[in-house]
PDB file of N, CA and C in Angstrom:
ATOM      1  N   MET A   1       0.882  -1.238  -0.070  1.00  0.00           N
ATOM      2  CA  MET A   1       0.020   0.376  -0.158  1.00  0.00           C
ATOM      3  C   MET A   1       0.914   1.212   0.059  1.00  0.00           C
ATOM      4  N   ASN A   2       0.945   1.960  -1.017  1.00  0.00           N
ATOM      5  CA  ASN A   2       1.639   3.374  -0.944  1.00  0.00           C
ATOM      6  C   ASN A   2       0.401   4.257  -1.135  1.00  0.00           C
ATOM      7  N   ILE A   3       0.818   5.477  -0.354  1.00  0.00           N
ATOM      8  CA  ILE A   3      -0.050   6.661  -0.304  1.00  0.00           C
ATOM      9  C   ILE A   3       0.753   7.768  -1.097  1.00  0.00           C
ATOM     10  N   LYS A   4      -0.442   8.063  -1.932  1.00  0.00           N
ATOM     11  CA  LYS A   4      -0.038   9.353  -2.920  1.00  0.00           C
ATOM     12  C   LYS A   4      -0.527  10.742  -2.104  1.00  0.00           C
ATOM     13  N   ARG A   5      -1.870  10.483  -1.658  1.00  0.00           N
ATOM     14  CA  ARG A   5      -1.971  12.315  -1.192  1.00  0.00           C
ATOM     15  C   ARG A   5      -3.106  12.017  -0.042  1.00  0.00           C
ATOM     16  N   VAL A   6      -3.049  12.822   0.922  1.00  0.00           N
ATOM     17  CA  VAL A   6      -3.655  12.599   2.273  1.00  0.00           C
ATOM     18  C   VAL A   6      -4.250  13.822   2.277  1.00  0.00           C
ATOM     19  N   GLY A   7      -5.799  13.750   2.739  1.00  0.00           N
ATOM     20  CA  GLY A   7      -6.505  14.925   3.124  1.00  0.00           C
ATOM     21  C   GLY A   7      -7.002  14.363   4.705  1.00  0.00           C
ATOM     22  N   ILE A   8      -6.959  15.541   5.643  1.00  0.00           N
ATOM     23  CA  ILE A   8      -7.393  15.598   7.182  1.00  0.00           C
ATOM     24  C   ILE A   8      -8.582  16.816   7.062  1.00  0.00           C
ATOM     25  N   ASP A   9      -9.470  16.085   7.740  1.00  0.00           N
ATOM     26  CA  ASP A   9     -10.732  17.195   8.206  1.00  0.00           C
ATOM     27  C   ASP A   9     -10.351  17.353   9.538  1.00  0.00           C
ATOM     28  N   LEU A  10      -9.884  18.626   9.786  1.00  0.00           N
ATOM     29  CA  LEU A  10      -9.864  19.418  11.108  1.00  0.00           C
ATOM     30  C   LEU A  10     -10.952  19.637  11.787  1.00  0.00           C
ATOM     31  N   ALA A  11     -10.957  19.037  12.917  1.00  0.00           N
ATOM     32  CA  ALA A  11     -12.074  19.514  14.006  1.00  0.00           C
ATOM     33  C   ALA A  11     -11.512  19.802  15.364  1.00  0.00           C
ATOM     34  N   LYS A  12     -12.333  19.872  16.242  1.00  0.00           N
ATOM     35  CA  LYS A  12     -11.634  20.337  17.748  1.00  0.00           C
ATOM     36  C   LYS A  12     -11.078  19.255  18.217  1.00  0.00           C
ATOM     37  N   ASP A  13     -11.581  17.982  18.186  1.00  0.00           N
ATOM     38  CA  ASP A  13     -11.020  16.825  18.839  1.00  0.00           C
ATOM     39  C   ASP A  13     -10.856  15.459  18.373  1.00  0.00           C
ATOM     40  N   VAL A  14     -11.562  15.396  16.997  1.00  0.00           N
ATOM     41  CA  VAL A  14     -11.431  14.212  16.329  1.00  0.00           C
ATOM     42  C   VAL A  14     -11.180  14.532  14.941  1.00  0.00           C
ATOM     43  N   PHE A  15     -10.098  13.983  14.255  1.00  0.00           N
ATOM     44  CA  PHE A  15      -9.727  14.231  12.917  1.00  0.00           C
ATOM     45  C   PHE A  15     -10.118  13.104  12.006  1.00  0.00           C
ATOM     46  N   GLN A  16     -10.669  13.363  11.133  1.00  0.00           N
ATOM     47  CA  GLN A  16     -10.668  12.432   9.848  1.00  0.00           C
ATOM     48  C   GLN A  16      -9.598  12.521   8.869  1.00  0.00           C
ATOM     49  N   VAL A  17      -8.756  11.085   8.842  1.00  0.00           N
ATOM     50  CA  VAL A  17      -7.581  11.081   7.789  1.00  0.00           C
ATOM     51  C   VAL A  17      -8.484  10.251   6.703  1.00  0.00           C
ATOM     52  N   HIS A  18      -7.897  10.799   5.470  1.00  0.00           N
ATOM     53  CA  HIS A  18      -8.178   9.775   4.021  1.00  0.00           C
ATOM     54  C   HIS A  18      -6.960   9.962   3.231  1.00  0.00           C
ATOM     55  N   GLY A  19      -6.544   8.872   2.949  1.00  0.00           N
ATOM     56  CA  GLY A  19      -5.410   8.818   1.854  1.00  0.00           C
ATOM     57  C   GLY A  19      -5.870   8.054   0.789  1.00  0.00           C
ATOM     58  N   VAL A  20      -5.265   8.263  -0.526  1.00  0.00           N
ATOM     59  CA  VAL A  20      -5.252   7.476  -1.490  1.00  0.00           C
ATOM     60  C   VAL A  20      -4.012   7.202  -2.110  1.00  0.00           C
ATOM     61  N   ASP A  21      -4.088   6.354  -3.253  1.00  0.00           N
ATOM     62  CA  ASP A  21      -2.857   5.933  -3.703  1.00  0.00           C
ATOM     63  C   ASP A  21      -2.840   6.474  -5.086  1.00  0.00           C
ATOM     64  N   SER A  22      -1.850   6.045  -6.006  1.00  0.00           N
ATOM     65  CA  SER A  22      -1.769   6.553  -7.236  1.00  0.00           C
ATOM     66  C   SER A  22      -2.865   6.451  -8.369  1.00  0.00           C
ATOM     67  N   GLN A  23      -3.653   5.484  -7.989  1.00  0.00           N
ATOM     68  CA  GLN A  23      -5.096   5.031  -8.766  1.00  0.00           C
ATOM     69  C   GLN A  23      -6.100   5.628  -8.095  1.00  0.00           C
ATOM     70  N   GLU A  24      -5.879   6.659  -7.342  1.00  0.00           N
ATOM     71  CA  GLU A  24      -6.960   7.051  -6.569  1.00  0.00           C
ATOM     72  C   GLU A  24      -7.822   6.123  -5.838  1.00  0.00           C
ATOM     73  N   ILE A  25      -7.476   5.210  -5.300  1.00  0.00           N
ATOM     74  CA  ILE A  25      -8.166   4.284  -4.391  1.00  0.00           C
ATOM     75  C   ILE A  25      -7.705   4.352  -3.045  1.00  0.00           C
ATOM     76  N   VAL A  26      -8.694   4.229  -2.686  1.00  0.00           N
ATOM     77  CA  VAL A  26      -8.538   4.698  -0.770  1.00  0.00           C
ATOM     78  C   VAL A  26      -7.826   3.820  -0.336  1.00  0.00           C
ATOM     79  N   SER A  27      -6.811   4.146   0.467  1.00  0.00           N
ATOM     80  CA  SER A  27      -5.721   3.316   1.164  1.00  0.00           C
ATOM     81  C   SER A  27      -5.879   3.504   2.689  1.00  0.00           C
ATOM     82  N   VAL A  28      -6.255   4.635   3.125  1.00  0.00           N
ATOM     83  CA  VAL A  28      -6.390   4.983   4.430  1.00  0.00           C
ATOM     84  C   VAL A  28      -7.696   5.606   4.645  1.00  0.00           C
ATOM     85  N   HIS A  29      -8.359   5.326   5.825  1.00  0.00           N
ATOM     86  CA  HIS A  29      -9.420   6.241   5.975  1.00  0.00           C
ATOM     87  C   HIS A  29      -9.850   5.853   7.475  1.00  0.00           C
ATOM     88  N   LYS A  30      -9.518   6.778   8.428  1.00  0.00           N
ATOM     89  CA  LYS A  30      -9.011   6.578   9.831  1.00  0.00           C
ATOM     90  C   LYS A  30      -9.545   7.919  10.523  1.00  0.00           C
ATOM     91  N   GLN A  31     -10.195   7.576  11.998  1.00  0.00           N
ATOM     92  CA  GLN A  31     -10.433   8.714  12.521  1.00  0.00           C
ATOM     93  C   GLN A  31      -9.499   8.844  13.933  1.00  0.00           C
ATOM     94  N   LEU A  32      -8.913   9.764  14.195  1.00  0.00           N
ATOM     95  CA  LEU A  32      -7.827  10.000  15.215  1.00  0.00           C
ATOM     96  C   LEU A  32      -7.990  11.246  16.030  1.00  0.00           C
ATOM     97  N   ARG A  33      -7.704  11.293  17.187  1.00  0.00           N
ATOM     98  CA  ARG A  33      -7.832  12.213  18.031  1.00  0.00           C
ATOM     99  C   ARG A  33      -6.457  12.929  17.746  1.00  0.00           C
ATOM    100  N   LYS A  34      -6.459  14.306  18.186  1.00  0.00           N
ATOM    101  CA  LYS A  34      -5.177  15.149  18.054  1.00  0.00           C
ATOM    102  C   LYS A  34      -3.973  14.828  18.703  1.00  0.00           C
ATOM    103  N   SER A  35      -4.166  13.879  19.636  1.00  0.00           N
ATOM    104  CA  SER A  35      -2.996  13.261  20.662  1.00  0.00           C
ATOM    105  C   SER A  35      -2.395  12.176  19.847  1.00  0.00           C
ATOM    106  N   GLN A  36      -3.189  11.698  18.764  1.00  0.00           N
ATOM    107  CA  GLN A  36      -2.627  10.232  18.119  1.00  0.00           C
ATOM    108  C   GLN A  36      -2.235  10.821  16.740  1.00  0.00           C
ATOM    109  N   MET A  37      -2.227  11.911  16.312  1.00  0.00           N
ATOM    110  CA  MET A  37      -1.656  12.373  14.884  1.00  0.00           C
ATOM    111  C   MET A  37      -0.281  12.309  14.612  1.00  0.00           C
ATOM    112  N   LEU A  38       0.394  12.705  15.478  1.00  0.00           N
ATOM    113  CA  LEU A  38       1.882  12.854  15.292  1.00  0.00           C
ATOM    114  C   LEU A  38       2.621  11.235  15.212  1.00  0.00           C
ATOM    115  N   ALA A  39       2.054  10.393  16.344  1.00  0.00           N
ATOM    116  CA  ALA A  39       2.585   9.173  16.366  1.00  0.00           C
ATOM    117  C   ALA A  39       1.942   8.362  14.925  1.00  0.00           C
ATOM    118  N   TYR A  40       0.783   8.501  14.522  1.00  0.00           N
ATOM    119  CA  TYR A  40       0.314   7.975  13.476  1.00  0.00           C
ATOM    120  C   TYR A  40       0.930   8.158  12.272  1.00  0.00           C
ATOM    121  N   PHE A  41       1.262   9.468  12.131  1.00  0.00           N
ATOM    122  CA  PHE A  41       2.192  10.001  10.672  1.00  0.00           C
ATOM    123  C   PHE A  41       3.300   9.587  10.704  1.00  0.00           C
ATOM    124  N   ARG A  42       3.915   9.413  11.808  1.00  0.00           N
ATOM    125  CA  ARG A  42       5.568   8.746  12.188  1.00  0.00           C
ATOM    126  C   ARG A  42       5.244   7.335  11.452  1.00  0.00           C
ATOM    127  N   LYS A  43       4.488   6.562  11.651  1.00  0.00           N
ATOM    128  CA  LYS A  43       4.161   5.229  11.730  1.00  0.00           C
ATOM    129  C   LYS A  43       3.910   4.689  10.006  1.00  0.00           C
ATOM    130  N   ILE A  44       3.133   5.726   9.510  1.00  0.00           N
ATOM    131  CA  ILE A  44       2.772   5.488   8.104  1.00  0.00           C
ATOM    132  C   ILE A  44       3.607   6.204   7.215  1.00  0.00           C
ATOM    133  N   SER A  45       4.516   6.974   7.623  1.00  0.00           N
ATOM    134  CA  SER A  45       5.676   7.702   6.770  1.00  0.00           C
ATOM    135  C   SER A  45       6.346   7.132   5.510  1.00  0.00           C
ATOM    136  N   ALA A  46       6.587   5.557   5.823  1.00  0.00           N
ATOM    137  CA  ALA A  46       7.385   4.767   4.806  1.00  0.00           C
ATOM    138  C   ALA A  46       6.441   4.257   3.762  1.00  0.00           C
ATOM    139  N   LEU A  47       5.231   4.522   3.921  1.00  0.00           N
ATOM    140  CA  LEU A  47       4.008   4.296   2.935  1.00  0.00           C
ATOM    141  C   LEU A  47       3.830   5.332   1.645  1.00  0.00           C
ATOM    142  N   PHE A  48       4.701   6.504   1.985  1.00  0.00           N
ATOM    143  CA  PHE A  48       4.550   7.524   1.236  1.00  0.00           C
ATOM    144  C   PHE A  48       5.342   7.355  -0.188  1.00  0.00           C
ATOM    145  N   ASP A  49       4.904   7.206  -1.391  1.00  0.00           N
ATOM    146  CA  ASP A  49       5.810   7.289  -2.622  1.00  0.00           C
ATOM    147  C   ASP A  49       6.151   8.807  -2.943  1.00  0.00           C
TER     148      ASP A  49
END
């Protein structure tokens, strides 16, 4: 799974993360709290092409 583009819906407490690959197929759809964001993006950083 390679992620080409990520969109984040910023809210007060819960963020929606949506990522697609190079064929525009959804690779990531996740709900995260603000405190989880940095750790999550560190974890998936290797998936970006």
